[in-house]
Amino acid sequence: MSRPAPVRRKFEELHPRDRNVKTNRRTRIEANWGCSVQESIPMKIRPRVELKRGAKIRVGDAAGVEEIWWNWSVELLRGLEELSTMMSGKPTVAQELMVHEVQKRQGDGKNPQRRVAELLLGDIQRVVDNVKRHQAGEAAKGIQQQDIDMKTFQELEREPGPGVKKQEEQVQDETPGYTDDGRSPGDMPSPTPASVYMHNGTHQINGTSNMNPLNFFNNPHRPASTHMPKTTEQLNESLQVGAMEMRARAKRLRGQAMRLEAEAFDLESEAAIARKVLNNS
């Protein structure tokens, strides 16, 4: 007795909402991997047309007929889209991970789906979770290395080289001393009898005295600031330190976000398994 010919659903037969969702996911997968969504899954593990509902091609059966992408489940396309986003530009590596996960399931003697030949939803979910954990670990290593680099950079910044110390000493030797009111020692007049003190404690200067008041803004010996101004090199180093600190903080936040997302997917997977068990009981 011959088997009935497999029948594919036409694209127009899909629910409008499913058509939109699947089309959008196909577009993103193809943009991330640069290949058609049909070819995103290796040929030997692509979904096949079911001869009857729930009857998937098993290991050792005839190859069967490939199922067209729009008849793949929404969840399977979602997993492919997420994997393509994390591994954008690396479709070959992603396909190798899919084949490896299918082979691992088929080699597990306790797995009830070990005889199914095609890529299943659980396979793609495990690949996505493994890639997330790997990327989160790499991000954590990068953050640790960034912290080490930052600490080393700051220690070097706190220890100026001999050339900087010599330059600072030379500047200090060449800079004359100044009083609190901006006067240099050469401009300070010597006490004269014309200078007297009033009974109320105020200091009065005789108009015939040779003491000329200094103009704070016109004093040619007055330094621009009481502190040494920062050089361009020091300002540049300060900005670089700030930029490195911001990048390190951004990396830490991205690593935390990836770890939380991986934990969320683990919980979703456990919830899906629990729902399946409840529905079957």
Protein backbone atom coordinates (compact mmCIF):
# COMPACT_ATOMS: atom_id res chain seq x y z
CA MET A 1 0.00 0.00 0.00
CA SER A 2 1.52 3.32 -1.11
CA ARG A 3 1.86 6.22 1.29
CA PRO A 4 -0.33 9.26 0.75
CA ALA A 5 1.39 12.14 -0.99
CA PRO A 6 2.49 14.87 1.45
CA VAL A 7 0.46 18.04 1.30
CA ARG A 8 1.94 21.45 2.09
CA ARG A 9 -0.08 24.34 3.36
CA LYS A 10 -0.04 27.32 1.06
CA PHE A 11 1.17 30.64 2.34
CA GLU A 12 -2.30 32.14 1.79
CA GLU A 13 -3.80 29.50 4.04
CA LEU A 14 -1.93 30.76 7.07
CA HIS A 15 -3.61 33.04 9.57
CA PRO A 16 -2.83 36.71 8.72
CA ARG A 17 -1.11 37.20 12.05
CA ASP A 18 1.12 34.15 11.50
CA ARG A 19 1.94 35.37 8.00
CA ASN A 20 3.15 38.72 9.35
CA VAL A 21 5.14 37.21 12.22
CA LYS A 22 6.85 34.60 10.07
CA THR A 23 7.62 37.07 7.28
CA ASN A 24 9.24 39.51 9.73
CA ARG A 25 11.36 36.78 11.28
CA ARG A 26 12.42 35.49 7.89
CA THR A 27 13.53 39.01 6.93
CA ARG A 28 15.67 39.39 10.06
CA ILE A 29 17.23 35.92 9.74
CA GLU A 30 18.19 36.52 6.13
CA ALA A 31 19.63 39.96 6.98
CA ASN A 32 21.77 38.51 9.80
CA TRP A 33 23.08 35.49 7.92
CA GLY A 34 22.99 36.59 4.29
CA CYS A 35 21.24 33.44 3.10
CA SER A 36 17.65 32.38 2.53
CA VAL A 37 15.76 31.25 5.60
CA GLN A 38 15.21 27.85 3.96
CA GLU A 39 18.99 27.32 3.81
CA SER A 40 19.64 28.58 7.34
CA ILE A 41 19.09 25.03 8.66
CA PRO A 42 21.45 22.35 7.26
CA MET A 43 19.76 20.12 4.71
CA LYS A 44 20.03 16.83 6.63
CA ILE A 45 18.21 18.24 9.68
CA ARG A 46 15.67 20.53 7.99
CA PRO A 47 12.02 19.98 8.93
CA ARG A 48 10.14 17.55 6.66
CA VAL A 49 6.54 17.39 5.61
CA GLU A 50 4.62 15.21 8.08
CA LEU A 51 2.73 12.31 6.53
CA LYS A 52 0.21 12.76 9.32
CA ARG A 53 -0.01 15.17 12.21
CA GLY A 54 2.84 14.54 14.66
CA ALA A 55 4.53 11.85 12.51
CA LYS A 56 8.01 13.25 11.94
CA ILE A 57 10.67 11.62 9.78
CA ARG A 58 12.79 9.29 11.88
CA VAL A 59 16.42 8.26 11.62
CA GLY A 60 16.73 5.56 8.94
CA ASP A 61 13.53 6.53 7.10
CA ALA A 62 13.50 7.88 3.58
CA ALA A 63 14.61 11.47 3.31
CA GLY A 64 11.07 12.70 2.72
CA VAL A 65 10.05 16.08 1.39
CA GLU A 66 11.41 19.30 2.87
CA GLU A 67 8.85 21.48 4.56
CA ILE A 68 8.70 25.05 3.28
CA TRP A 69 9.80 27.72 5.79
CA TRP A 70 6.35 29.25 6.32
CA ASN A 71 5.11 25.93 7.65
CA TRP A 72 7.85 25.81 10.27
CA SER A 73 6.56 26.60 13.74
CA VAL A 74 6.58 30.18 14.96
CA GLU A 75 8.71 29.13 17.94
CA LEU A 76 11.32 27.47 15.70
CA LEU A 77 11.61 30.62 13.60
CA ARG A 78 11.90 32.66 16.78
CA GLY A 79 14.83 30.52 17.96
CA LEU A 80 16.52 30.86 14.56
CA GLU A 81 16.03 34.62 14.62
CA GLU A 82 17.55 34.92 18.09
CA LEU A 83 20.50 32.71 17.17
CA SER A 84 21.11 34.72 13.98
CA THR A 85 21.10 37.94 16.01
CA MET A 86 23.73 36.64 18.46
CA MET A 87 25.83 35.06 15.70
CA SER A 88 25.32 37.63 12.96
CA GLY A 89 27.59 36.99 10.00
CA LYS A 90 28.46 33.46 11.20
CA PRO A 91 25.85 31.16 9.61
CA THR A 92 28.31 28.29 9.09
CA VAL A 93 29.28 28.16 12.77
CA ALA A 94 25.61 28.35 13.79
CA GLN A 95 24.74 25.45 11.47
CA GLU A 96 27.51 23.33 12.95
CA LEU A 97 26.10 24.00 16.42
CA MET A 98 22.63 22.92 15.27
CA VAL A 99 23.94 19.67 13.76
CA HIS A 100 25.95 18.95 16.91
CA GLU A 101 22.91 19.49 19.14
CA VAL A 102 20.74 17.18 17.01
CA GLN A 103 23.43 14.48 17.04
CA LYS A 104 23.78 14.80 20.81
CA ARG A 105 20.04 14.32 21.26
CA GLN A 106 20.03 11.32 18.92
CA GLY A 107 22.92 9.77 20.85
CA ASP A 108 21.11 10.10 24.18
CA GLY A 109 19.58 6.68 24.80
CA LYS A 110 17.16 8.08 27.41
CA ASN A 111 15.77 10.85 25.22
CA PRO A 112 12.29 9.92 23.92
CA GLN A 113 12.92 11.97 20.76
CA ARG A 114 16.27 10.40 19.93
CA ARG A 115 14.87 8.82 16.73
CA VAL A 116 13.63 12.10 15.22
CA ALA A 117 15.89 13.14 12.34
CA GLU A 118 15.08 16.83 12.00
CA LEU A 119 15.89 19.90 14.08
CA LEU A 120 13.40 20.27 16.91
CA LEU A 121 12.37 23.28 18.97
CA GLY A 122 14.23 21.94 22.01
CA ASP A 123 17.42 21.63 19.93
CA ILE A 124 17.42 25.25 18.81
CA GLN A 125 16.57 26.44 22.33
CA ARG A 126 19.55 24.57 23.77
CA VAL A 127 21.84 26.06 21.11
CA VAL A 128 20.59 29.57 21.92
CA ASP A 129 21.08 29.03 25.66
CA ASN A 130 24.60 27.64 25.17
CA VAL A 131 25.61 30.57 22.98
CA LYS A 132 24.22 33.02 25.55
CA ARG A 133 26.19 31.40 28.37
CA HIS A 134 29.34 31.42 26.26
CA GLN A 135 28.97 35.09 25.33
CA ALA A 136 28.17 36.03 28.94
CA GLY A 137 31.35 34.24 30.08
CA GLU A 138 33.43 35.99 27.42
CA ALA A 139 31.92 39.34 28.44
CA ALA A 140 32.80 38.66 32.09
CA LYS A 141 36.40 37.84 31.13
CA GLY A 142 36.59 41.03 29.10
CA ILE A 143 35.31 43.07 32.07
CA GLN A 144 37.93 41.54 34.37
CA GLN A 145 40.68 42.31 31.86
CA GLN A 146 39.34 45.83 31.45
CA ASP A 147 39.42 46.33 35.22
CA ILE A 148 43.03 45.11 35.34
CA ASP A 149 44.01 47.45 32.52
CA MET A 150 42.27 50.37 34.25
CA LYS A 151 44.07 49.67 37.54
CA THR A 152 47.45 49.47 35.81
CA PHE A 153 46.77 52.67 33.88
CA GLN A 154 45.78 54.54 37.03
CA GLU A 155 48.87 53.34 38.89
CA LEU A 156 51.08 54.54 36.04
CA GLU A 157 49.25 57.85 36.00
CA ARG A 158 49.89 58.36 39.75
CA GLU A 159 53.62 57.78 39.22
CA PRO A 160 54.97 60.48 36.85
CA GLY A 161 58.17 59.69 35.03
CA PRO A 162 61.54 61.35 35.77
CA GLY A 163 61.09 63.76 32.87
CA VAL A 164 57.84 65.09 34.36
CA LYS A 165 59.38 65.46 37.84
CA LYS A 166 62.39 67.30 36.40
CA GLN A 167 60.13 69.65 34.46
CA GLU A 168 58.04 70.40 37.56
CA GLU A 169 61.17 71.13 39.63
CA GLN A 170 62.46 73.47 36.91
CA VAL A 171 59.16 75.36 36.80
CA GLN A 172 59.16 75.73 40.58
CA ASP A 173 62.75 77.06 40.56
CA GLU A 174 61.99 79.60 37.85
CA THR A 175 58.73 80.83 39.46
CA PRO A 176 59.21 83.67 42.01
CA GLY A 177 57.37 83.61 45.32
CA TYR A 178 54.24 85.66 45.77
CA THR A 179 52.31 86.91 48.72
CA ASP A 180 48.65 86.33 49.35
CA ASP A 181 47.71 89.66 47.74
CA GLY A 182 49.60 88.91 44.53
CA ARG A 183 52.74 90.94 45.22
CA SER A 184 56.23 89.70 44.52
CA PRO A 185 59.04 90.22 47.07
CA GLY A 186 60.60 92.91 44.84
CA ASP A 187 57.40 94.93 44.91
CA MET A 188 57.03 94.95 48.70
CA PRO A 189 58.05 98.35 50.13
CA SER A 190 60.20 98.67 53.22
CA PRO A 191 58.59 100.17 56.35
CA THR A 192 58.87 103.96 56.55
CA PRO A 193 58.03 106.51 59.23
CA ALA A 194 55.21 107.70 56.99
CA SER A 195 53.32 104.54 57.81
CA VAL A 196 51.43 104.86 61.06
CA TYR A 197 48.79 102.88 62.90
CA MET A 198 45.50 104.39 63.95
CA HIS A 199 44.10 103.80 67.45
CA ASN A 200 41.27 101.67 66.02
CA GLY A 201 43.78 99.18 64.62
CA THR A 202 43.53 100.17 60.94
CA HIS A 203 46.61 100.73 58.80
CA GLN A 204 46.94 104.14 57.11
CA ILE A 205 49.44 105.00 54.33
CA ASN A 206 50.73 108.57 53.94
CA GLY A 207 50.07 109.99 50.50
CA THR A 208 53.72 111.17 50.26
CA SER A 209 55.00 107.66 50.69
CA ASN A 210 56.94 106.00 47.90
CA MET A 211 54.67 102.92 48.22
CA ASN A 212 52.68 102.64 44.97
CA PRO A 213 49.63 100.36 45.18
CA LEU A 214 49.80 97.46 42.75
CA ASN A 215 47.04 96.88 40.27
CA PHE A 216 46.10 93.18 40.54
CA PHE A 217 45.31 92.90 36.85
CA ASN A 218 48.22 94.98 35.52
CA ASN A 219 50.97 93.36 37.56
CA PRO A 220 53.38 91.89 34.98
CA HIS A 221 54.82 89.47 37.55
CA ARG A 222 51.45 88.04 38.69
CA PRO A 223 50.93 84.39 37.67
CA ALA A 224 47.75 83.49 35.77
CA SER A 225 46.65 81.24 38.62
CA THR A 226 47.79 80.32 42.09
CA HIS A 227 47.89 76.70 40.89
CA MET A 228 49.88 75.32 38.02
CA PRO A 229 47.59 75.00 34.98
CA LYS A 230 47.00 71.53 33.55
CA THR A 231 48.92 70.77 30.39
CA THR A 232 47.19 69.47 27.28
CA GLU A 233 48.73 66.06 27.88
CA GLN A 234 47.35 65.87 31.43
CA LEU A 235 43.89 66.94 30.24
CA ASN A 236 43.99 64.31 27.49
CA GLU A 237 44.95 61.60 30.00
CA SER A 238 42.11 62.65 32.29
CA LEU A 239 39.59 62.41 29.45
CA GLN A 240 40.96 59.00 28.42
CA VAL A 241 40.58 57.70 31.97
CA GLY A 242 36.97 58.90 32.05
CA ALA A 243 36.22 57.26 28.71
CA MET A 244 37.78 53.95 29.82
CA GLU A 245 35.74 53.98 33.03
CA MET A 246 32.52 54.54 31.07
CA ARG A 247 33.36 51.71 28.66
CA ALA A 248 34.15 49.36 31.56
CA ARG A 249 30.83 50.23 33.22
CA ALA A 250 28.96 49.66 29.94
CA LYS A 251 30.61 46.24 29.57
CA ARG A 252 29.66 45.27 33.10
CA LEU A 253 26.04 46.26 32.47
CA ARG A 254 25.95 44.33 29.18
CA GLY A 255 27.35 41.24 30.90
CA GLN A 256 24.75 41.48 33.65
CA ALA A 257 21.98 41.90 31.07
CA MET A 258 23.13 38.84 29.13
CA ARG A 259 23.29 36.73 32.28
CA LEU A 260 19.79 37.83 33.33
CA GLU A 261 18.47 37.09 29.86
CA ALA A 262 20.01 33.61 29.94
CA GLU A 263 18.40 32.96 33.32
CA ALA A 264 15.06 34.19 31.97
CA PHE A 265 15.26 31.74 29.06
CA ASP A 266 16.09 28.92 31.43
CA LEU A 267 12.97 29.73 33.42
CA GLU A 268 10.90 29.93 30.23
CA SER A 269 12.18 26.52 29.14
CA GLU A 270 11.33 25.00 32.52
CA ALA A 271 7.87 26.57 32.39
CA ALA A 272 7.28 25.17 28.90
CA ILE A 273 8.29 21.69 30.06
CA ALA A 274 6.00 21.98 33.08
CA ARG A 275 3.07 23.04 30.90
CA LYS A 276 3.71 20.12 28.58
CA VAL A 277 3.74 17.69 31.48
CA LEU A 278 0.50 19.12 32.85
CA ASN A 279 -1.19 18.93 29.45
CA ASN A 280 -0.16 15.31 28.97
CA SER A 281 -1.28 14.26 32.46
